[in-house]
């Protein structure tokens, strides 16, 4: 997409918003994309669309990609965590199925409560509810949760959350249970009780227990890397069929007991995920909502070029969700080799990026805001910090000066992005060209993207990726993106800059040891500024997640924890008979 085309699309988007948003500030005015501000023009933010669903029918998910991983030990991509933990497997604790701030509230799931801390917060005990069963009717046991936690250490099962490795005591050198070895720091005195012994006090361990790592997997069902294709269900649905990159069909798990589960409503009889479609094609199908597409939702974001077809039309705009993702999209710079092993070169890139153009390529100020720090606004008091004061369009002269000081007047670098990010990548490419940096873009299928950029042996010079807090705490953000001890040879580590800085790691440990949450929060914000000065990554955008739903969809809203993805716990259909499934 050319820059002229991007500008035309953004102009149409702004004009459409001006027509469709009454009582809101005009997003076309200068400063409307200012960092950290509210965006009143976003469509249906915090609302539930379509009323209360009726039980039954087939809900179709139209997707441009397959899931990275459905194995709960490997599932660490936020929308997929939503899909997996709402439909296929339950966790010890989960989040309320509500839009807005209420959705961040913790509630028990498999456990009877949010866990009981003891030993100064170094020990956490959970008790399972009565009547919990798998898809074959067998009982869910505490030992099964322990087993899945242990599986997360297996070097063959890469890509999943590594909180267990960070928090559990006595894990050094542990490589999982596949060779018969188990963790002494996870105890199951009986079938209903699981006890975690931690290496330090963790006041927020209840929130950690919402992650897929803390769902049950019976050892008898272990299939190694093949478990991805057929997770054994503890949730309201089970896998009927799964053709990778083509289609996933879920049907009801008749042994799921809604009396044990106040969160998941399980309205549809079936979920069908159709994969490999093009983004624009998906948008057009759901806009038209013909036949079965009236009972469909889209998985990936609405394409920016579809905005003029949606926002000027009240009937279609009323079916667009645009919840804040609560994430920061960053241009990560590979610090392990030239040219980005030089801090001056990295700082030059910070000044060279034209964030205004990237904003335009991403759909304009209705769906994005410019980022000025790593921590998203929700983790920094409601507004991002802006310590460097770089203009939204960048400062090419300052960038050229820094490159000259580094002895690098001309550079050529590689840049790997997901196929859906090509437009934004081209905007970054054009911005860096202004200062003599030639960027070669390589696109990767979204389903394989994190596996590709997470392989440190073949990592590119730059990549565009986001990080989202797993729950509302700075401890779930900066340590995962900038702690050099998180770097893995392969896997979704978050630290795609491969940044390893002793002062940063020392300060992370000091903040993690703080007992006072307010003190720790202030310290995370201060550390954010310190890392910004070292420039391992450039914060680019704070995004909303624009998702269209069909005319027969009810109960749809973007969940605030799972980056604005539709909460699959409560979505369903207005009229199941119209779903043709």
Protein backbone atom coordinates (compact mmCIF):
# COMPACT_ATOMS: atom_id res chain seq x y z
CA UNK A 1 0.00 0.00 0.00
CA UNK A 2 1.47 3.37 -0.98
CA UNK A 3 1.66 6.27 1.40
CA UNK A 4 -0.79 8.21 -0.78
CA UNK A 5 -3.31 5.35 -0.59
CA UNK A 6 -2.86 5.16 3.18
CA UNK A 7 -3.52 8.88 3.49
CA UNK A 8 -6.65 8.62 1.36
CA UNK A 9 -7.97 5.79 3.49
CA UNK A 10 -7.28 7.68 6.71
CA UNK A 11 -9.00 10.78 5.31
CA UNK A 12 -12.07 8.70 4.45
CA UNK A 13 -11.96 7.13 7.92
CA UNK A 14 -11.85 10.50 9.66
CA UNK A 15 -14.67 11.82 7.48
CA UNK A 16 -16.77 8.77 8.26
CA UNK A 17 -16.21 9.23 11.97
CA UNK A 18 -17.19 12.88 11.75
CA UNK A 19 -20.52 11.75 10.28
CA UNK A 20 -21.08 8.89 12.71
CA UNK A 21 -20.00 10.27 16.09
CA UNK A 22 -22.21 12.88 17.70
CA UNK A 23 -21.13 14.68 20.84
CA UNK A 24 -17.52 13.56 20.35
CA UNK A 25 -14.40 15.57 19.67
CA UNK A 26 -13.42 15.65 16.02
CA UNK A 27 -10.64 13.12 15.40
CA UNK A 28 -9.53 15.10 12.35
CA UNK A 29 -8.38 18.01 14.49
CA UNK A 30 -4.70 18.45 15.18
CA UNK A 31 -3.68 16.62 18.32
CA UNK A 32 -6.49 14.04 18.19
CA UNK A 33 -3.91 11.28 18.11
CA UNK A 34 -2.01 12.71 21.06
CA UNK A 35 -0.43 10.05 23.25
CA UNK A 36 -2.29 8.75 26.24
CA UNK A 37 -5.58 10.53 25.50
CA UNK A 38 -9.05 9.03 25.31
CA UNK A 39 -10.55 8.40 21.88
CA UNK A 40 -14.30 9.01 22.05
CA UNK A 41 -14.86 8.14 18.39
CA UNK A 42 -14.12 4.44 18.78
CA UNK A 43 -17.08 2.26 17.86
CA UNK A 44 -19.07 0.52 20.61
CA UNK A 45 -16.25 0.64 23.15
CA UNK A 46 -17.28 -1.21 26.31
CA UNK A 47 -20.72 -2.20 24.97
CA UNK A 48 -22.40 -5.57 24.51
CA UNK A 49 -23.84 -5.96 21.00
CA UNK A 50 -27.03 -7.72 19.98
CA UNK A 51 -28.70 -8.36 23.34
CA UNK A 52 -28.82 -11.73 25.13
CA UNK A 53 -28.13 -14.80 22.95
CA UNK A 54 -30.47 -17.76 22.57
CA UNK A 55 -29.06 -21.22 23.15
CA UNK A 56 -28.25 -23.28 20.04
CA UNK A 57 -27.01 -22.92 16.48
CA UNK A 58 -23.56 -22.69 14.90
CA UNK A 59 -21.36 -19.67 15.39
CA UNK A 60 -18.73 -19.27 12.68
CA UNK A 61 -15.37 -17.55 13.19
CA UNK A 62 -13.85 -16.29 9.92
CA UNK A 63 -10.07 -16.13 10.23
CA UNK A 64 -7.03 -15.27 8.16
CA UNK A 65 -4.86 -17.66 10.19
CA UNK A 66 -4.57 -20.80 12.23
CA UNK A 67 -3.94 -20.66 15.97
CA UNK A 68 -0.31 -20.47 17.04
CA UNK A 69 -0.96 -23.10 19.73
CA UNK A 70 -4.03 -24.59 21.41
CA UNK A 71 -1.96 -26.73 23.78
CA UNK A 72 -2.46 -24.91 27.12
CA UNK A 73 1.21 -25.27 27.98
CA UNK A 74 2.10 -23.40 24.77
CA UNK A 75 -0.77 -20.92 24.44
CA UNK A 76 0.56 -17.40 25.07
CA UNK A 77 -1.02 -15.24 22.36
CA UNK A 78 -3.75 -13.20 23.99
CA UNK A 79 -6.72 -13.80 21.60
CA UNK A 80 -5.91 -17.52 21.53
CA UNK A 81 -5.77 -17.62 25.33
CA UNK A 82 -9.29 -16.18 25.29
CA UNK A 83 -10.49 -18.85 22.83
CA UNK A 84 -8.76 -21.72 24.62
CA UNK A 85 -9.61 -20.86 28.22
CA UNK A 86 -13.22 -19.89 27.48
CA UNK A 87 -14.12 -22.87 25.28
CA UNK A 88 -11.71 -25.81 25.61
CA UNK A 89 -10.10 -25.75 29.04
CA UNK A 90 -10.65 -24.16 32.39
CA UNK A 91 -8.05 -22.63 34.71
CA UNK A 92 -7.81 -22.40 38.48
CA UNK A 93 -8.91 -18.76 38.35
CA UNK A 94 -10.36 -16.67 35.51
CA UNK A 95 -11.72 -13.21 34.71
CA UNK A 96 -15.32 -12.09 34.77
CA UNK A 97 -17.13 -12.18 31.42
CA UNK A 98 -17.97 -8.47 31.37
CA UNK A 99 -16.86 -5.49 29.29
CA UNK A 100 -14.85 -2.58 30.66
CA UNK A 101 -13.11 -2.45 33.99
CA UNK A 102 -15.37 -5.14 35.51
CA UNK A 103 -13.85 -7.69 33.12
CA UNK A 104 -10.52 -7.40 34.95
CA UNK A 105 -12.05 -8.78 38.16
CA UNK A 106 -10.82 -12.23 39.19
CA UNK A 107 -13.27 -15.04 39.93
CA UNK A 108 -12.72 -18.71 40.83
CA UNK A 109 -12.90 -21.19 37.97
CA UNK A 110 -11.78 -24.76 38.72
CA UNK A 111 -10.90 -23.65 42.24
CA UNK A 112 -13.36 -22.88 45.02
CA UNK A 113 -11.75 -19.48 45.65
CA UNK A 114 -8.87 -17.27 44.49
CA UNK A 115 -6.31 -19.28 46.40
CA UNK A 116 -5.06 -19.03 49.96
CA UNK A 117 -1.61 -17.51 50.55
CA UNK A 118 0.58 -18.48 53.49
CA UNK A 119 4.24 -18.31 54.48
CA UNK A 120 4.29 -14.58 53.71
CA UNK A 121 2.96 -15.09 50.18
CA UNK A 122 5.49 -17.78 49.28
CA UNK A 123 2.93 -20.60 49.42
CA UNK A 124 -0.42 -20.68 47.62
CA UNK A 125 -3.06 -23.37 48.07
CA UNK A 126 -6.03 -24.02 45.78
CA UNK A 127 -8.91 -26.45 46.33
CA UNK A 128 -10.83 -27.82 43.34
CA UNK A 129 -14.63 -27.72 43.16
CA UNK A 130 -16.74 -30.86 43.30
CA UNK A 131 -18.20 -32.33 40.12
CA UNK A 132 -15.49 -31.26 37.65
CA UNK A 133 -15.21 -33.61 34.66
CA UNK A 134 -13.38 -33.99 31.35
CA UNK A 135 -15.05 -34.65 28.02
CA UNK A 136 -15.06 -38.42 28.67
CA UNK A 137 -16.72 -38.05 32.06
CA UNK A 138 -13.58 -38.79 34.08
CA UNK A 139 -12.88 -36.51 37.08
CA UNK A 140 -10.53 -33.53 36.88
CA UNK A 141 -7.83 -33.93 39.53
CA UNK A 142 -5.31 -31.60 41.14
CA UNK A 143 -2.55 -33.86 39.82
CA UNK A 144 -3.62 -32.96 36.27
CA UNK A 145 -3.08 -29.25 36.91
CA UNK A 146 0.34 -30.07 38.41
CA UNK A 147 1.17 -32.11 35.31
CA UNK A 148 0.38 -29.28 32.91
CA UNK A 149 2.42 -26.83 34.98
CA UNK A 150 5.31 -29.26 34.71
CA UNK A 151 4.78 -29.68 30.96
CA UNK A 152 5.40 -25.94 30.54
CA UNK A 153 9.08 -26.60 31.32
CA UNK A 154 9.53 -29.09 28.46
CA UNK A 155 11.96 -27.80 25.80
CA UNK A 156 9.83 -29.42 23.09
CA UNK A 157 6.71 -27.53 24.18
CA UNK A 158 7.87 -23.99 23.49
CA UNK A 159 5.98 -20.74 23.25
CA UNK A 160 3.89 -20.77 26.42
CA UNK A 161 3.79 -18.57 29.53
CA UNK A 162 6.87 -18.98 31.70
CA UNK A 163 5.48 -17.68 35.00
CA UNK A 164 5.91 -21.13 36.54
CA UNK A 165 9.63 -21.00 35.77
CA UNK A 166 9.84 -17.49 37.19
CA UNK A 167 7.87 -18.06 40.38
CA UNK A 168 8.18 -21.70 41.48
CA UNK A 169 10.95 -22.79 43.83
CA UNK A 170 13.50 -25.44 42.86
CA UNK A 171 13.07 -25.33 39.10
CA UNK A 172 16.70 -24.80 38.03
CA UNK A 173 17.58 -27.34 35.36
CA UNK A 174 14.08 -28.84 35.30
CA UNK A 175 12.98 -29.91 31.82
CA UNK A 176 9.47 -31.21 32.35
CA UNK A 177 7.74 -34.51 33.17
CA UNK A 178 8.17 -36.36 29.89
CA UNK A 179 11.16 -38.22 31.35
CA UNK A 180 9.29 -39.01 34.56
CA UNK A 181 10.66 -36.17 36.70
CA UNK A 182 8.29 -33.99 38.72
CA UNK A 183 8.51 -30.75 40.69
CA UNK A 184 8.69 -30.90 44.48
CA UNK A 185 7.48 -27.28 44.63
CA UNK A 186 4.03 -28.27 43.30
CA UNK A 187 2.32 -30.59 45.80
CA UNK A 188 -0.98 -32.47 45.52
CA UNK A 189 -1.74 -33.96 48.94
CA UNK A 190 -5.06 -35.24 47.55
CA UNK A 191 -7.14 -35.13 44.36
CA UNK A 192 -8.70 -31.79 45.28
CA UNK A 193 -5.73 -29.83 46.63
CA UNK A 194 -2.77 -28.25 44.84
CA UNK A 195 -0.05 -26.29 46.65
CA UNK A 196 2.53 -24.06 44.97
CA UNK A 197 5.79 -23.26 46.78
CA UNK A 198 7.30 -20.06 45.34
CA UNK A 199 10.84 -18.73 45.30
CA UNK A 200 9.65 -15.34 46.58
CA UNK A 201 6.42 -13.75 47.80
CA UNK A 202 3.98 -13.14 44.91
CA UNK A 203 0.95 -11.18 46.06
CA UNK A 204 -0.72 -11.46 42.64
CA UNK A 205 -0.40 -15.22 42.19
CA UNK A 206 -4.20 -15.52 41.93
CA UNK A 207 -3.97 -13.56 38.67
CA UNK A 208 -1.13 -15.80 37.46
CA UNK A 209 -3.45 -18.79 37.92
CA UNK A 210 -5.68 -17.44 35.12
CA UNK A 211 -3.09 -18.45 32.52
CA UNK A 212 -3.49 -21.62 30.42
CA UNK A 213 -0.48 -23.12 32.22
CA UNK A 214 -2.81 -23.59 35.21
CA UNK A 215 -5.39 -25.72 33.40
CA UNK A 216 -5.52 -29.53 33.69
CA UNK A 217 -3.93 -32.06 31.34
CA UNK A 218 -4.08 -35.74 32.37
CA UNK A 219 -0.74 -37.49 31.96
CA UNK A 220 -2.54 -40.34 30.18
CA UNK A 221 -3.47 -37.94 27.36
CA UNK A 222 0.05 -36.65 26.77
CA UNK A 223 0.94 -36.49 23.06
CA UNK A 224 3.90 -34.13 23.16
CA UNK A 225 3.85 -31.62 20.32
CA UNK A 226 0.78 -33.36 18.85
CA UNK A 227 -1.36 -32.29 21.82
CA UNK A 228 -1.75 -28.97 20.00
CA UNK A 229 -4.11 -30.63 17.52
CA UNK A 230 -6.38 -32.28 20.08
CA UNK A 231 -6.47 -30.74 23.58
CA UNK A 232 -8.50 -32.88 26.00
CA UNK A 233 -11.44 -30.74 27.06
CA UNK A 234 -12.24 -29.58 30.57
CA UNK A 235 -14.37 -26.72 29.20
CA UNK A 236 -17.83 -26.48 27.63
CA UNK A 237 -16.68 -27.60 24.16
CA UNK A 238 -14.49 -30.34 22.72
CA UNK A 239 -12.71 -30.76 19.39
CA UNK A 240 -14.76 -32.64 16.80
CA UNK A 241 -12.28 -32.07 13.95
CA UNK A 242 -9.21 -29.94 13.27
CA UNK A 243 -7.62 -29.60 9.84
CA UNK A 244 -4.66 -27.30 10.41
CA UNK A 245 -4.79 -24.03 8.46
CA UNK A 246 -8.29 -24.95 7.20
CA UNK A 247 -11.01 -25.57 9.77
CA UNK A 248 -11.58 -26.28 13.46
CA UNK A 249 -14.97 -27.59 14.63
CA UNK A 250 -15.96 -27.57 18.31
CA UNK A 251 -19.04 -29.32 19.66
CA UNK A 252 -20.52 -29.45 23.14
CA UNK A 253 -18.74 -31.31 25.94
CA UNK A 254 -21.76 -33.01 27.48
CA UNK A 255 -19.86 -33.61 30.73
CA UNK A 256 -19.24 -29.90 31.38
CA UNK A 257 -21.42 -28.87 34.30
CA UNK A 258 -22.65 -25.24 34.15
CA UNK A 259 -23.41 -25.46 37.88
CA UNK A 260 -19.65 -25.46 38.48
CA UNK A 261 -19.03 -22.63 36.02
CA UNK A 262 -20.77 -19.25 36.46
CA UNK A 263 -18.59 -17.57 33.80
CA UNK A 264 -19.07 -19.57 30.58
CA UNK A 265 -22.57 -19.53 29.13
CA UNK A 266 -21.89 -21.86 26.15
CA UNK A 267 -24.78 -20.58 24.02
CA UNK A 268 -23.94 -22.04 20.56
CA UNK A 269 -24.12 -25.78 19.89
CA UNK A 270 -21.05 -25.55 17.69
CA UNK A 271 -18.17 -23.25 16.90
CA UNK A 272 -16.66 -23.50 13.42
CA UNK A 273 -13.41 -21.64 12.74
CA UNK A 274 -12.75 -21.22 9.01
CA UNK A 275 -9.09 -20.34 8.37
CA UNK A 276 -6.92 -19.06 5.55
CA UNK A 277 -9.26 -16.29 4.35
CA UNK A 278 -8.06 -12.87 3.28
CA UNK A 279 -8.75 -9.99 5.66
CA UNK A 280 -10.66 -7.84 3.18
CA UNK A 281 -12.72 -10.86 2.11
CA UNK A 282 -13.69 -11.49 5.74
CA UNK A 283 -14.72 -7.86 6.24
CA UNK A 284 -16.87 -7.87 3.10
CA UNK A 285 -18.62 -11.11 4.07
CA UNK A 286 -19.54 -9.90 7.55
CA UNK A 287 -20.58 -6.46 6.29
CA UNK A 288 -22.99 -8.21 3.88
CA UNK A 289 -24.03 -10.82 6.50
CA UNK A 290 -25.64 -13.06 3.88
CA UNK A 291 -26.75 -16.55 4.89
CA UNK A 292 -24.46 -18.22 7.43
CA UNK A 293 -22.23 -15.12 7.52
CA UNK A 294 -24.95 -13.37 9.54
CA UNK A 295 -23.94 -15.76 12.35
CA UNK A 296 -20.21 -15.08 11.97
CA UNK A 297 -17.57 -13.01 13.75
CA UNK A 298 -14.09 -12.15 12.57
CA UNK A 299 -10.94 -13.30 14.32
CA UNK A 300 -8.34 -10.79 13.15
CA UNK A 301 -8.74 -7.03 13.00
CA UNK A 302 -10.90 -5.37 10.39
CA UNK A 303 -8.63 -4.11 7.63
CA UNK A 304 -8.05 -0.31 7.59
CA UNK A 305 -9.22 -0.08 3.98
CA UNK A 306 -12.62 -1.47 5.05
CA UNK A 307 -13.32 1.45 7.37
CA UNK A 308 -15.04 3.62 4.71
CA UNK A 309 -17.48 0.73 4.09
CA UNK A 310 -18.36 0.55 7.78
CA UNK A 311 -18.15 3.83 9.66
CA UNK A 312 -20.45 6.01 7.50
CA UNK A 313 -23.21 3.37 7.69
CA UNK A 314 -24.97 3.31 11.10
CA UNK A 315 -26.34 -0.22 10.65
CA UNK A 316 -22.87 -1.63 9.94
CA UNK A 317 -21.01 0.59 12.41
CA UNK A 318 -23.37 -0.67 15.13
CA UNK A 319 -21.80 -4.12 14.55
CA UNK A 320 -18.20 -2.93 14.98
CA UNK A 321 -16.37 -3.50 18.27
CA UNK A 322 -13.26 -1.43 18.94
CA UNK A 323 -12.11 -2.11 22.48
CA UNK A 324 -8.71 -0.84 23.58
CA UNK A 325 -6.18 -3.65 23.37
CA UNK A 326 -4.21 -2.42 26.38
CA UNK A 327 -1.02 -3.35 24.54
CA UNK A 328 1.95 -1.47 23.08
CA UNK A 329 3.11 -2.18 19.55
CA UNK A 330 6.89 -1.83 19.36
CA UNK A 331 9.59 -1.82 16.72
CA UNK A 332 12.09 -4.20 18.34
CA UNK A 333 15.76 -3.81 17.40
CA UNK A 334 18.07 -6.83 17.53
CA UNK A 335 20.70 -5.66 20.03
CA UNK A 336 22.95 -8.71 19.65
CA UNK A 337 24.62 -7.65 16.42
CA UNK A 338 25.48 -4.65 14.26
CA UNK A 339 24.12 -2.15 13.69
CA UNK A 340 21.80 -2.27 16.71
CA UNK A 341 24.46 -3.30 19.21
CA UNK A 342 25.31 0.42 19.15
CA UNK A 343 23.02 2.46 21.43
CA UNK A 344 23.42 5.58 19.26
CA UNK A 345 22.10 3.72 16.21
CA UNK A 346 19.14 2.50 18.25
CA UNK A 347 18.46 6.01 19.51
CA UNK A 348 18.62 7.27 15.93
CA UNK A 349 15.86 4.84 14.96
CA UNK A 350 13.69 6.21 17.79
CA UNK A 351 13.94 9.68 16.25
CA UNK A 352 13.65 8.48 12.64
CA UNK A 353 10.33 6.61 12.88
CA UNK A 354 7.38 8.57 11.49
CA UNK A 355 4.66 7.42 13.90
CA UNK A 356 2.08 9.66 12.25
CA UNK A 357 2.44 7.67 9.03
CA UNK A 358 2.29 4.36 10.90
CA UNK A 359 -0.87 5.59 12.63
CA UNK A 360 -2.39 6.39 9.23
CA UNK A 361 -1.44 2.99 7.83
CA UNK A 362 -3.08 1.32 10.83
CA UNK A 363 -6.46 2.92 10.23
CA UNK A 364 -6.00 6.42 11.60
CA UNK A 365 -6.76 7.96 14.98
CA UNK A 366 -10.08 6.16 15.36
CA UNK A 367 -8.35 2.84 15.91
CA UNK A 368 -4.87 3.81 17.12
CA UNK A 369 -2.97 6.25 19.28
CA UNK A 370 0.70 7.10 19.13
CA UNK A 371 2.79 5.40 21.82
CA UNK A 372 5.46 7.33 23.68
CA UNK A 373 6.53 4.72 26.25
CA UNK A 374 6.59 0.96 26.61
CA UNK A 375 4.08 0.58 29.44
CA UNK A 376 0.51 1.01 28.16
CA UNK A 377 -1.68 3.68 29.71
CA UNK A 378 -3.53 1.22 31.96
CA UNK A 379 -0.25 0.41 33.75
CA UNK A 380 0.91 4.01 34.11
CA UNK A 381 -1.95 5.87 35.73
CA UNK A 382 -4.20 6.18 32.68
CA UNK A 383 -1.76 8.05 30.41
CA UNK A 384 1.57 7.05 28.92
CA UNK A 385 4.76 8.81 29.92
CA UNK A 386 6.56 10.90 27.29
CA UNK A 387 10.12 11.38 28.51
CA UNK A 388 11.82 11.82 25.12
CA UNK A 389 9.34 14.36 23.70
CA UNK A 390 9.85 13.19 20.11
CA UNK A 391 7.40 14.71 17.62
CA UNK A 392 4.82 12.22 16.22
CA UNK A 393 6.35 12.56 12.74
CA UNK A 394 9.83 11.97 14.15
CA UNK A 395 12.93 14.14 14.03
CA UNK A 396 15.01 13.17 10.97
CA UNK A 397 17.73 15.74 11.64
CA UNK A 398 18.33 14.43 15.16
CA UNK A 399 18.36 10.88 13.79
CA UNK A 400 20.96 11.81 11.15
CA UNK A 401 23.11 13.45 13.82
CA UNK A 402 23.07 10.31 15.98
CA UNK A 403 23.90 8.10 13.01
CA UNK A 404 26.79 10.38 12.11
CA UNK A 405 28.11 10.16 15.69
CA UNK A 406 27.94 6.37 15.35
CA UNK A 407 29.79 6.50 12.02
CA UNK A 408 26.78 5.05 10.18
CA UNK A 409 25.65 7.44 7.45
CA UNK A 410 24.08 4.59 5.44
CA UNK A 411 22.54 1.36 6.73
CA UNK A 412 20.68 -1.65 5.33
CA UNK A 413 18.58 -3.71 7.76
CA UNK A 414 16.11 -6.62 7.60
CA UNK A 415 12.57 -6.24 8.93
CA UNK A 416 10.22 -9.19 9.53
CA UNK A 417 6.50 -8.59 10.10
CA UNK A 418 3.22 -10.48 10.04
CA UNK A 419 1.50 -10.24 6.63
CA UNK A 420 -1.25 -8.12 8.15
CA UNK A 421 1.32 -5.54 9.24
CA UNK A 422 2.79 -4.91 5.79
CA UNK A 423 1.17 -1.47 5.46
CA UNK A 424 2.54 -0.31 8.80
CA UNK A 425 5.92 -1.82 7.96
CA UNK A 426 6.05 0.20 4.75
CA UNK A 427 5.28 3.36 6.71
CA UNK A 428 8.24 2.57 9.00
CA UNK A 429 10.36 1.78 5.95
CA UNK A 430 9.57 5.17 4.41
CA UNK A 431 10.29 6.99 7.66
CA UNK A 432 13.71 5.37 8.06
CA UNK A 433 14.57 6.01 4.39
CA UNK A 434 14.54 9.73 5.22
CA UNK A 435 17.71 9.27 7.28
CA UNK A 436 19.56 6.87 4.98
CA UNK A 437 18.39 3.56 6.46
CA UNK A 438 17.35 1.03 3.80
CA UNK A 439 14.80 -1.44 5.13
CA UNK A 440 14.14 -4.83 3.49
CA UNK A 441 10.72 -6.15 4.54
CA UNK A 442 9.95 -9.85 4.88
CA UNK A 443 6.36 -10.94 5.64
CA UNK A 444 5.40 -14.10 7.54
CA UNK A 445 2.05 -15.85 7.91
CA UNK A 446 0.39 -14.70 11.16
CA UNK A 447 0.03 -18.24 12.50
CA UNK A 448 3.80 -18.82 12.29
CA UNK A 449 4.96 -15.27 13.04
CA UNK A 450 5.92 -15.65 16.70
CA UNK A 451 7.71 -18.94 16.08
CA UNK A 452 9.75 -17.26 13.33
CA UNK A 453 10.76 -14.10 15.19
CA UNK A 454 11.24 -16.10 18.41
CA UNK A 455 14.04 -18.17 16.87
CA UNK A 456 17.16 -16.29 17.96
CA UNK A 457 19.33 -18.17 15.49
CA UNK A 458 17.55 -16.61 12.51
CA UNK A 459 16.06 -13.45 14.05
CA UNK A 460 15.88 -10.36 11.79
CA UNK A 461 17.41 -6.96 12.54
CA UNK A 462 13.98 -5.52 13.31
CA UNK A 463 10.50 -6.83 13.97
CA UNK A 464 7.14 -5.24 14.76
CA UNK A 465 5.42 -6.90 17.68
CA UNK A 466 3.19 -5.99 20.57
CA UNK A 467 3.23 -6.92 24.21
CA UNK A 468 0.14 -7.10 26.36
CA UNK A 469 0.08 -7.50 30.14
CA UNK A 470 -1.28 -10.92 31.10
CA UNK A 471 -3.06 -9.18 33.94
CA UNK A 472 -3.01 -5.57 35.19
CA UNK A 473 0.50 -5.33 36.65
CA UNK A 474 3.79 -3.87 35.45
CA UNK A 475 5.39 -7.16 36.50
CA UNK A 476 3.72 -8.77 33.47
CA UNK A 477 5.20 -6.29 31.01
CA UNK A 478 8.75 -4.92 31.36
CA UNK A 479 10.33 -8.13 32.74
CA UNK A 480 9.04 -10.14 29.80
CA UNK A 481 10.10 -7.68 27.12
CA UNK A 482 13.43 -6.44 28.47
CA UNK A 483 14.85 -8.96 30.97
CA UNK A 484 17.78 -10.66 29.27
CA UNK A 485 17.22 -13.80 31.33
CA UNK A 486 13.95 -14.42 29.45
CA UNK A 487 15.69 -14.90 26.12
CA UNK A 488 15.14 -18.37 24.68
CA UNK A 489 16.75 -19.94 21.63
CA UNK A 490 13.23 -20.59 20.36
CA UNK A 491 9.81 -19.60 21.62
CA UNK A 492 7.57 -16.64 22.41
CA UNK A 493 9.74 -14.85 24.98
CA UNK A 494 8.70 -11.26 24.30
CA UNK A 495 12.29 -10.04 24.33
CA UNK A 496 12.68 -9.99 20.56
CA UNK A 497 15.32 -7.26 20.88
CA UNK A 498 17.42 -9.86 22.78
CA UNK A 499 18.20 -7.00 25.15
CA UNK A 500 20.47 -8.05 28.02
CA UNK A 501 21.40 -5.17 30.30
CA UNK A 502 22.76 -5.83 33.82
CA UNK A 503 21.38 -2.62 35.36
CA UNK A 504 17.92 -3.33 33.97
CA UNK A 505 17.89 -6.89 35.25
CA UNK A 506 19.05 -5.81 38.70
CA UNK A 507 16.31 -3.20 38.92
CA UNK A 508 13.67 -5.72 37.79
CA UNK A 509 14.65 -7.97 40.69
CA UNK A 510 14.49 -5.07 43.13
CA UNK A 511 11.00 -4.05 41.99
CA UNK A 512 9.72 -7.63 42.06
CA UNK A 513 10.81 -7.83 45.69
CA UNK A 514 8.74 -4.78 46.70
CA UNK A 515 5.78 -5.62 48.94
CA UNK A 516 4.07 -2.26 48.40
CA UNK A 517 2.08 -2.37 45.11
CA UNK A 518 1.96 1.43 44.75
CA UNK A 519 5.71 1.69 45.25
CA UNK A 520 6.30 -1.07 42.71
CA UNK A 521 4.00 0.60 40.17
CA UNK A 522 5.93 3.89 40.43
CA UNK A 523 9.19 1.98 40.10
CA UNK A 524 8.01 0.22 36.90
CA UNK A 525 7.16 3.61 35.36
CA UNK A 526 10.59 4.97 36.27
CA UNK A 527 12.30 1.87 34.85
CA UNK A 528 10.32 2.32 31.63
CA UNK A 529 11.99 5.72 31.16
CA UNK A 530 15.45 4.27 31.89
CA UNK A 531 14.99 1.54 29.27
CA UNK A 532 13.65 4.08 26.74
CA UNK A 533 16.97 5.92 27.00
CA UNK A 534 18.79 2.69 26.05
CA UNK A 535 16.42 2.23 23.08
CA UNK A 536 16.19 -1.55 22.56
CA UNK A 537 12.76 -0.92 21.02
CA UNK A 538 10.69 1.96 19.72
CA UNK A 539 7.14 2.20 21.11
CA UNK A 540 4.95 2.93 18.09
CA UNK A 541 1.20 2.52 18.65
CA UNK A 542 -1.49 1.86 21.20
CA UNK A 543 -4.18 0.03 19.28
CA UNK A 544 -7.84 -0.77 19.46
CA UNK A 545 -9.12 -4.08 18.16
CA UNK A 546 -11.71 -3.46 15.42
CA UNK A 547 -13.89 -6.55 14.99
CA UNK A 548 -17.05 -6.85 12.91
CA UNK A 549 -19.87 -9.22 13.84
CA UNK A 550 -22.78 -10.50 11.77
CA UNK A 551 -26.37 -9.35 12.08
CA UNK A 552 -27.39 -12.55 13.94
CA UNK A 553 -24.69 -12.25 16.62
CA UNK A 554 -25.65 -11.45 20.22
CA UNK A 555 -23.72 -10.99 23.46
CA UNK A 556 -20.53 -9.82 21.75
CA UNK A 557 -18.05 -7.50 23.43
CA UNK A 558 -14.31 -6.99 23.44
CA UNK A 559 -12.79 -8.32 26.66
CA UNK A 560 -10.40 -5.82 28.30
CA UNK A 561 -7.89 -8.47 29.40
CA UNK A 562 -7.68 -10.43 26.15
CA UNK A 563 -6.69 -7.40 24.05
CA UNK A 564 -10.24 -6.55 23.04
CA UNK A 565 -10.91 -9.95 21.45
CA UNK A 566 -14.55 -11.10 21.59
CA UNK A 567 -15.21 -12.91 24.86
CA UNK A 568 -16.08 -16.42 23.70
CA UNK A 569 -17.60 -17.24 27.09
CA UNK A 570 -20.80 -15.32 26.39
CA UNK A 571 -21.14 -14.73 22.64
CA UNK A 572 -23.96 -16.46 20.77
CA UNK A 573 -26.79 -16.01 18.30
CA UNK A 574 -30.08 -14.09 18.23
CA UNK A 575 -31.82 -16.78 16.18
CA UNK A 576 -30.08 -20.19 16.05
CA UNK A 577 -32.28 -21.33 13.17
CA UNK A 578 -30.67 -18.72 10.92
CA UNK A 579 -27.17 -20.09 11.46
CA UNK A 580 -27.67 -22.90 8.88
CA UNK A 581 -25.52 -25.17 10.97
